Amino acid sequence: MKRILKTLSIIMIIILFSGCSSKIKKISYTDFNEYFSNKTNFDIVDKTSEYDIDVRRYIEVGEGNYQIFYIEFDNEKTADKYIDNMYKNDKNVKIKVKKDYTYIKSNKKDYLRLYKKDNVIVYGTTKNKKYKRQMKKVLKDLGY
């Protein structure tokens, strides 16, 4: 009996760890824009011109209940600086720096999921937690 429990435990651990090590790919502006241009219920707003020269692209996509953002910086250092300025001292978020990407999740009030891969940040946010599943599905469709 103990042998069966050990075997099942090892199998469960392998399954859990294999699912947790998913790779995050950097999405391009073209792929991001193409994904949302095929959807009719999303409003796409390009706000790149409102930001300084360090920001190559700044796109906001809204569905009414949640928003998805795409920010492409000139370099990775500027993207890291953006995260530090916005979230470093925020006690309502958890920042996890993985080997090849950064992940931020909020735990109070607004629901936020942010992914930084190289010089690109993609994140989704909603004020109503009942829409977090829809937002997470969109992020998953984008490769996050």
N, C-alpha and C. Protein backbone atom coordinates (compact mmCIF):
# COMPACT_ATOMS: atom_id res chain seq x y z
N MET A 1 0.82 -1.20 0.00
CA MET A 1 0.00 0.00 0.00
C MET A 1 0.86 1.27 0.00
N LYS A 2 1.93 1.26 0.82
CA LYS A 2 2.82 2.41 0.87
C LYS A 2 3.50 2.63 -0.47
N ARG A 3 3.81 1.54 -1.12
CA ARG A 3 4.48 1.62 -2.42
C ARG A 3 3.58 2.30 -3.46
N ILE A 4 2.30 1.97 -3.44
CA ILE A 4 1.33 2.57 -4.37
C ILE A 4 1.20 4.06 -4.08
N LEU A 5 1.11 4.44 -2.81
CA LEU A 5 1.01 5.85 -2.44
C LEU A 5 2.26 6.63 -2.86
N LYS A 6 3.44 6.04 -2.68
CA LYS A 6 4.68 6.69 -3.10
C LYS A 6 4.69 6.90 -4.61
N THR A 7 4.29 5.87 -5.33
CA THR A 7 4.26 5.95 -6.80
C THR A 7 3.29 7.03 -7.26
N LEU A 8 2.10 7.04 -6.69
CA LEU A 8 1.12 8.06 -7.04
C LEU A 8 1.62 9.46 -6.68
N SER A 9 2.28 9.59 -5.55
CA SER A 9 2.82 10.89 -5.14
C SER A 9 3.87 11.38 -6.12
N ILE A 10 4.75 10.49 -6.54
CA ILE A 10 5.79 10.86 -7.51
C ILE A 10 5.17 11.27 -8.83
N ILE A 11 4.16 10.54 -9.28
CA ILE A 11 3.48 10.87 -10.54
C ILE A 11 2.82 12.25 -10.43
N MET A 12 2.17 12.52 -9.32
CA MET A 12 1.51 13.82 -9.13
C MET A 12 2.54 14.96 -9.12
N ILE A 13 3.66 14.76 -8.47
CA ILE A 13 4.71 15.78 -8.43
C ILE A 13 5.25 16.05 -9.83
N ILE A 14 5.47 15.01 -10.60
CA ILE A 14 5.96 15.17 -11.97
C ILE A 14 4.95 15.94 -12.81
N ILE A 15 3.68 15.61 -12.67
CA ILE A 15 2.64 16.31 -13.43
C ILE A 15 2.59 17.78 -13.02
N LEU A 16 2.64 18.06 -11.75
CA LEU A 16 2.59 19.45 -11.28
C LEU A 16 3.79 20.25 -11.78
N PHE A 17 4.97 19.69 -11.67
CA PHE A 17 6.16 20.44 -12.10
C PHE A 17 6.25 20.59 -13.61
N SER A 18 5.76 19.63 -14.34
CA SER A 18 5.81 19.76 -15.80
C SER A 18 4.85 20.84 -16.29
N GLY A 19 3.75 21.04 -15.62
CA GLY A 19 2.80 22.09 -15.98
C GLY A 19 3.27 23.47 -15.57
N CYS A 20 4.07 23.55 -14.51
CA CYS A 20 4.54 24.83 -14.00
C CYS A 20 5.70 25.39 -14.77
N SER A 21 6.33 24.59 -15.58
CA SER A 21 7.53 25.06 -16.28
C SER A 21 7.23 25.47 -17.72
N SER A 22 6.04 25.97 -17.94
CA SER A 22 5.69 26.37 -19.30
C SER A 22 6.53 27.55 -19.74
N LYS A 23 6.88 27.57 -21.00
CA LYS A 23 7.73 28.62 -21.55
C LYS A 23 6.86 29.80 -21.98
N ILE A 24 7.35 30.98 -21.72
CA ILE A 24 6.69 32.21 -22.13
C ILE A 24 7.42 32.72 -23.37
N LYS A 25 6.67 32.97 -24.42
CA LYS A 25 7.26 33.51 -25.64
C LYS A 25 6.95 34.99 -25.73
N LYS A 26 7.88 35.72 -26.29
CA LYS A 26 7.66 37.15 -26.51
C LYS A 26 6.74 37.30 -27.71
N ILE A 27 5.63 37.96 -27.51
CA ILE A 27 4.67 38.16 -28.60
C ILE A 27 5.04 39.45 -29.35
N SER A 28 4.86 39.42 -30.63
CA SER A 28 5.16 40.62 -31.42
C SER A 28 3.93 41.52 -31.49
N TYR A 29 4.18 42.77 -31.81
CA TYR A 29 3.09 43.73 -31.97
C TYR A 29 2.12 43.26 -33.04
N THR A 30 2.64 42.72 -34.12
CA THR A 30 1.81 42.25 -35.23
C THR A 30 0.88 41.13 -34.78
N ASP A 31 1.43 40.17 -34.05
CA ASP A 31 0.60 39.05 -33.56
C ASP A 31 -0.46 39.53 -32.57
N PHE A 32 -0.06 40.43 -31.69
CA PHE A 32 -0.99 40.99 -30.71
C PHE A 32 -2.14 41.72 -31.41
N ASN A 33 -1.79 42.59 -32.34
CA ASN A 33 -2.78 43.37 -33.07
C ASN A 33 -3.68 42.48 -33.92
N GLU A 34 -3.09 41.47 -34.55
CA GLU A 34 -3.86 40.56 -35.39
C GLU A 34 -4.87 39.75 -34.57
N TYR A 35 -4.45 39.31 -33.38
CA TYR A 35 -5.35 38.55 -32.52
C TYR A 35 -6.61 39.35 -32.19
N PHE A 36 -6.43 40.62 -31.82
CA PHE A 36 -7.57 41.43 -31.40
C PHE A 36 -8.34 42.03 -32.58
N SER A 37 -7.71 42.20 -33.71
CA SER A 37 -8.45 42.75 -34.85
C SER A 37 -9.47 41.75 -35.38
N ASN A 38 -9.27 40.47 -35.08
CA ASN A 38 -10.24 39.44 -35.48
C ASN A 38 -11.41 39.33 -34.52
N LYS A 39 -11.34 40.01 -33.39
CA LYS A 39 -12.41 39.99 -32.39
C LYS A 39 -13.25 41.26 -32.54
N THR A 40 -14.56 41.11 -32.52
CA THR A 40 -15.43 42.27 -32.75
C THR A 40 -15.75 43.04 -31.47
N ASN A 41 -15.64 42.41 -30.31
CA ASN A 41 -16.05 43.07 -29.08
C ASN A 41 -14.92 43.79 -28.35
N PHE A 42 -13.76 43.95 -28.98
CA PHE A 42 -12.63 44.63 -28.36
C PHE A 42 -12.35 45.95 -29.06
N ASP A 43 -12.09 46.98 -28.27
CA ASP A 43 -11.67 48.28 -28.80
C ASP A 43 -10.16 48.37 -28.68
N ILE A 44 -9.48 48.65 -29.80
CA ILE A 44 -8.02 48.75 -29.83
C ILE A 44 -7.64 50.22 -29.92
N VAL A 45 -6.81 50.67 -28.97
CA VAL A 45 -6.36 52.06 -28.95
C VAL A 45 -4.84 52.08 -28.90
N ASP A 46 -4.23 52.72 -29.89
CA ASP A 46 -2.78 52.86 -29.95
C ASP A 46 -2.40 54.19 -29.28
N LYS A 47 -1.75 54.12 -28.13
CA LYS A 47 -1.37 55.32 -27.38
C LYS A 47 0.14 55.55 -27.40
N THR A 48 0.81 55.00 -28.38
CA THR A 48 2.26 55.11 -28.47
C THR A 48 2.72 56.56 -28.49
N SER A 49 2.03 57.41 -29.20
CA SER A 49 2.45 58.80 -29.33
C SER A 49 2.37 59.58 -28.02
N GLU A 50 1.65 59.07 -27.03
CA GLU A 50 1.52 59.74 -25.75
C GLU A 50 2.67 59.45 -24.79
N TYR A 51 3.59 58.57 -25.18
CA TYR A 51 4.67 58.16 -24.30
C TYR A 51 6.02 58.61 -24.85
N ASP A 52 7.04 58.53 -23.99
CA ASP A 52 8.36 59.02 -24.39
C ASP A 52 9.02 58.08 -25.39
N ILE A 53 10.22 58.44 -25.79
CA ILE A 53 10.90 57.71 -26.86
C ILE A 53 11.34 56.31 -26.45
N ASP A 54 11.34 56.00 -25.15
CA ASP A 54 11.70 54.66 -24.70
C ASP A 54 10.63 53.62 -25.01
N VAL A 55 9.41 54.09 -25.30
CA VAL A 55 8.29 53.20 -25.58
C VAL A 55 8.10 53.13 -27.09
N ARG A 56 8.33 51.94 -27.66
CA ARG A 56 8.12 51.75 -29.10
C ARG A 56 6.64 51.61 -29.45
N ARG A 57 5.93 50.82 -28.64
CA ARG A 57 4.50 50.58 -28.86
C ARG A 57 3.78 50.54 -27.51
N TYR A 58 2.62 51.16 -27.45
CA TYR A 58 1.76 51.09 -26.27
C TYR A 58 0.34 50.94 -26.78
N ILE A 59 -0.20 49.74 -26.63
CA ILE A 59 -1.53 49.43 -27.14
C ILE A 59 -2.43 49.03 -25.98
N GLU A 60 -3.62 49.62 -25.93
CA GLU A 60 -4.63 49.24 -24.95
C GLU A 60 -5.79 48.58 -25.69
N VAL A 61 -6.22 47.46 -25.17
CA VAL A 61 -7.35 46.75 -25.76
C VAL A 61 -8.39 46.57 -24.66
N GLY A 62 -9.59 47.06 -24.91
CA GLY A 62 -10.63 46.98 -23.90
C GLY A 62 -11.84 46.22 -24.39
N GLU A 63 -12.44 45.51 -23.45
CA GLU A 63 -13.64 44.73 -23.75
C GLU A 63 -14.82 45.25 -22.93
N GLY A 64 -14.54 46.20 -22.04
CA GLY A 64 -15.58 46.73 -21.18
C GLY A 64 -15.42 46.26 -19.74
N ASN A 65 -15.15 44.98 -19.56
CA ASN A 65 -15.00 44.42 -18.22
C ASN A 65 -13.55 44.22 -17.81
N TYR A 66 -12.66 44.16 -18.78
CA TYR A 66 -11.24 44.02 -18.51
C TYR A 66 -10.44 44.62 -19.66
N GLN A 67 -9.16 44.90 -19.39
CA GLN A 67 -8.29 45.47 -20.40
C GLN A 67 -7.01 44.65 -20.52
N ILE A 68 -6.47 44.62 -21.73
CA ILE A 68 -5.20 43.98 -22.00
C ILE A 68 -4.27 45.05 -22.57
N PHE A 69 -3.03 45.09 -22.09
CA PHE A 69 -2.07 46.08 -22.52
C PHE A 69 -0.86 45.41 -23.15
N TYR A 70 -0.31 46.05 -24.17
CA TYR A 70 0.93 45.61 -24.81
C TYR A 70 1.88 46.81 -24.82
N ILE A 71 3.02 46.65 -24.15
CA ILE A 71 4.00 47.73 -24.11
C ILE A 71 5.34 47.16 -24.58
N GLU A 72 5.88 47.76 -25.62
CA GLU A 72 7.19 47.35 -26.13
C GLU A 72 8.16 48.51 -25.90
N PHE A 73 9.23 48.23 -25.17
CA PHE A 73 10.23 49.23 -24.84
C PHE A 73 11.42 49.10 -25.78
N ASP A 74 12.28 50.12 -25.78
CA ASP A 74 13.50 50.08 -26.59
C ASP A 74 14.44 48.97 -26.16
N ASN A 75 14.51 48.74 -24.84
CA ASN A 75 15.40 47.70 -24.34
C ASN A 75 14.83 47.09 -23.05
N GLU A 76 15.44 46.01 -22.63
CA GLU A 76 14.95 45.29 -21.46
C GLU A 76 15.15 46.09 -20.17
N LYS A 77 16.20 46.86 -20.11
CA LYS A 77 16.47 47.67 -18.91
C LYS A 77 15.34 48.67 -18.65
N THR A 78 14.82 49.26 -19.71
CA THR A 78 13.71 50.21 -19.57
C THR A 78 12.44 49.50 -19.10
N ALA A 79 12.21 48.29 -19.59
CA ALA A 79 11.05 47.51 -19.15
C ALA A 79 11.17 47.17 -17.67
N ASP A 80 12.37 46.80 -17.23
CA ASP A 80 12.59 46.51 -15.81
C ASP A 80 12.36 47.76 -14.97
N LYS A 81 12.82 48.89 -15.45
CA LYS A 81 12.65 50.16 -14.74
C LYS A 81 11.16 50.50 -14.60
N TYR A 82 10.38 50.24 -15.65
CA TYR A 82 8.93 50.47 -15.62
C TYR A 82 8.30 49.63 -14.51
N ILE A 83 8.66 48.37 -14.43
CA ILE A 83 8.12 47.48 -13.41
C ILE A 83 8.53 47.95 -12.02
N ASP A 84 9.79 48.33 -11.86
CA ASP A 84 10.25 48.82 -10.56
C ASP A 84 9.47 50.06 -10.13
N ASN A 85 9.29 50.99 -11.05
CA ASN A 85 8.57 52.23 -10.73
C ASN A 85 7.11 51.98 -10.39
N MET A 86 6.48 51.06 -11.10
CA MET A 86 5.05 50.83 -10.93
C MET A 86 4.72 49.89 -9.76
N TYR A 87 5.52 48.86 -9.55
CA TYR A 87 5.09 47.78 -8.66
C TYR A 87 6.04 47.41 -7.53
N LYS A 88 7.26 47.92 -7.53
CA LYS A 88 8.25 47.51 -6.54
C LYS A 88 7.78 47.71 -5.10
N ASN A 89 7.17 48.84 -4.81
CA ASN A 89 6.74 49.14 -3.44
C ASN A 89 5.26 48.88 -3.18
N ASP A 90 4.59 48.26 -4.13
CA ASP A 90 3.16 47.96 -4.00
C ASP A 90 2.99 46.67 -3.20
N LYS A 91 2.39 46.76 -2.04
CA LYS A 91 2.20 45.59 -1.18
C LYS A 91 1.07 44.70 -1.65
N ASN A 92 0.30 45.15 -2.61
CA ASN A 92 -0.84 44.36 -3.10
C ASN A 92 -0.48 43.46 -4.27
N VAL A 93 0.78 43.42 -4.66
CA VAL A 93 1.18 42.56 -5.77
C VAL A 93 2.31 41.63 -5.33
N LYS A 94 2.40 40.51 -6.04
CA LYS A 94 3.49 39.57 -5.83
C LYS A 94 4.31 39.54 -7.12
N ILE A 95 5.60 39.84 -6.99
CA ILE A 95 6.48 39.84 -8.15
C ILE A 95 7.35 38.60 -8.08
N LYS A 96 7.33 37.82 -9.17
CA LYS A 96 8.18 36.65 -9.27
C LYS A 96 9.06 36.81 -10.50
N VAL A 97 10.34 36.80 -10.29
CA VAL A 97 11.28 36.90 -11.41
C VAL A 97 11.75 35.49 -11.70
N LYS A 98 11.33 34.98 -12.83
CA LYS A 98 11.72 33.64 -13.26
C LYS A 98 13.00 33.72 -14.07
N LYS A 99 13.44 32.60 -14.57
CA LYS A 99 14.71 32.55 -15.31
C LYS A 99 14.67 33.44 -16.56
N ASP A 100 13.59 33.37 -17.31
CA ASP A 100 13.55 34.12 -18.57
C ASP A 100 12.37 35.08 -18.70
N TYR A 101 11.61 35.29 -17.61
CA TYR A 101 10.52 36.26 -17.66
C TYR A 101 10.16 36.70 -16.24
N THR A 102 9.42 37.79 -16.14
CA THR A 102 8.92 38.30 -14.87
C THR A 102 7.40 38.17 -14.86
N TYR A 103 6.87 37.79 -13.71
CA TYR A 103 5.43 37.59 -13.57
C TYR A 103 4.96 38.36 -12.34
N ILE A 104 3.86 39.09 -12.49
CA ILE A 104 3.28 39.83 -11.38
C ILE A 104 1.80 39.48 -11.28
N LYS A 105 1.36 39.23 -10.06
CA LYS A 105 -0.05 38.93 -9.81
C LYS A 105 -0.51 39.79 -8.65
N SER A 106 -1.67 40.40 -8.80
CA SER A 106 -2.23 41.19 -7.70
C SER A 106 -3.01 40.29 -6.78
N ASN A 107 -3.14 40.71 -5.55
CA ASN A 107 -3.88 39.89 -4.59
C ASN A 107 -4.95 40.66 -3.83
N LYS A 108 -5.15 41.92 -4.17
CA LYS A 108 -6.20 42.73 -3.52
C LYS A 108 -6.83 43.65 -4.56
N LYS A 109 -8.05 44.03 -4.30
CA LYS A 109 -8.80 44.98 -5.12
C LYS A 109 -8.79 44.61 -6.59
N ASP A 110 -8.00 45.32 -7.40
CA ASP A 110 -7.94 45.03 -8.84
C ASP A 110 -7.23 43.70 -9.06
N TYR A 111 -7.66 43.00 -10.10
CA TYR A 111 -7.02 41.75 -10.45
C TYR A 111 -6.07 42.04 -11.61
N LEU A 112 -4.81 41.68 -11.46
CA LEU A 112 -3.78 42.00 -12.44
C LEU A 112 -2.90 40.79 -12.70
N ARG A 113 -2.57 40.57 -13.97
CA ARG A 113 -1.57 39.59 -14.36
C ARG A 113 -0.66 40.26 -15.36
N LEU A 114 0.63 40.29 -15.05
CA LEU A 114 1.60 40.96 -15.91
C LEU A 114 2.72 39.98 -16.24
N TYR A 115 3.13 39.98 -17.50
CA TYR A 115 4.24 39.16 -17.96
C TYR A 115 5.23 40.05 -18.70
N LYS A 116 6.51 39.94 -18.33
CA LYS A 116 7.56 40.67 -19.04
C LYS A 116 8.53 39.66 -19.61
N LYS A 117 8.69 39.71 -20.90
CA LYS A 117 9.65 38.86 -21.59
C LYS A 117 10.54 39.78 -22.42
N ASP A 118 11.81 39.83 -22.09
CA ASP A 118 12.77 40.72 -22.73
C ASP A 118 12.30 42.17 -22.61
N ASN A 119 12.02 42.83 -23.72
CA ASN A 119 11.61 44.24 -23.67
C ASN A 119 10.11 44.44 -23.86
N VAL A 120 9.33 43.38 -23.76
CA VAL A 120 7.87 43.46 -23.97
C VAL A 120 7.13 43.10 -22.69
N ILE A 121 6.16 43.94 -22.36
CA ILE A 121 5.27 43.69 -21.23
C ILE A 121 3.86 43.52 -21.77
N VAL A 122 3.22 42.44 -21.35
CA VAL A 122 1.81 42.20 -21.68
C VAL A 122 1.10 41.96 -20.36
N TYR A 123 0.04 42.72 -20.14
CA TYR A 123 -0.71 42.48 -18.91
C TYR A 123 -2.19 42.73 -19.09
N GLY A 124 -2.94 42.09 -18.20
CA GLY A 124 -4.38 42.25 -18.18
C GLY A 124 -4.82 42.69 -16.80
N THR A 125 -5.87 43.46 -16.76
CA THR A 125 -6.38 43.94 -15.47
C THR A 125 -7.90 44.07 -15.52
N THR A 126 -8.51 43.83 -14.39
CA THR A 126 -9.94 44.01 -14.24
C THR A 126 -10.23 44.44 -12.81
N LYS A 127 -11.25 45.25 -12.64
CA LYS A 127 -11.65 45.68 -11.30
C LYS A 127 -12.64 44.70 -10.68
N ASN A 128 -13.26 43.88 -11.52
CA ASN A 128 -14.24 42.92 -11.05
C ASN A 128 -13.68 41.51 -11.21
N LYS A 129 -13.46 40.83 -10.12
CA LYS A 129 -12.81 39.52 -10.16
C LYS A 129 -13.63 38.46 -10.90
N LYS A 130 -14.91 38.72 -11.14
CA LYS A 130 -15.70 37.70 -11.84
C LYS A 130 -15.32 37.62 -13.33
N TYR A 131 -14.56 38.61 -13.83
CA TYR A 131 -14.11 38.58 -15.22
C TYR A 131 -12.67 38.10 -15.37
N LYS A 132 -12.06 37.68 -14.27
CA LYS A 132 -10.66 37.28 -14.35
C LYS A 132 -10.46 36.02 -15.20
N ARG A 133 -11.43 35.12 -15.22
CA ARG A 133 -11.30 33.92 -16.06
C ARG A 133 -11.26 34.27 -17.54
N GLN A 134 -12.12 35.19 -17.95
CA GLN A 134 -12.12 35.62 -19.36
C GLN A 134 -10.79 36.29 -19.70
N MET A 135 -10.32 37.13 -18.81
CA MET A 135 -9.05 37.82 -19.04
C MET A 135 -7.89 36.82 -19.11
N LYS A 136 -7.88 35.85 -18.18
CA LYS A 136 -6.83 34.83 -18.19
C LYS A 136 -6.87 34.00 -19.46
N LYS A 137 -8.06 33.75 -20.00
CA LYS A 137 -8.17 32.99 -21.24
C LYS A 137 -7.57 33.76 -22.40
N VAL A 138 -7.80 35.06 -22.46
CA VAL A 138 -7.23 35.89 -23.52
C VAL A 138 -5.71 35.88 -23.41
N LEU A 139 -5.19 36.04 -22.20
CA LEU A 139 -3.74 36.00 -21.99
C LEU A 139 -3.17 34.64 -22.39
N LYS A 140 -3.89 33.59 -22.08
CA LYS A 140 -3.44 32.24 -22.46
C LYS A 140 -3.43 32.09 -23.99
N ASP A 141 -4.46 32.62 -24.64
CA ASP A 141 -4.51 32.56 -26.11
C ASP A 141 -3.34 33.31 -26.73
N LEU A 142 -2.88 34.36 -26.06
CA LEU A 142 -1.73 35.13 -26.54
C LEU A 142 -0.39 34.45 -26.25
N GLY A 143 -0.42 33.39 -25.46
CA GLY A 143 0.80 32.64 -25.16
C GLY A 143 1.32 32.84 -23.76
N TYR A 144 0.51 33.41 -22.89
CA TYR A 144 0.93 33.66 -21.51
C TYR A 144 0.10 32.83 -20.59
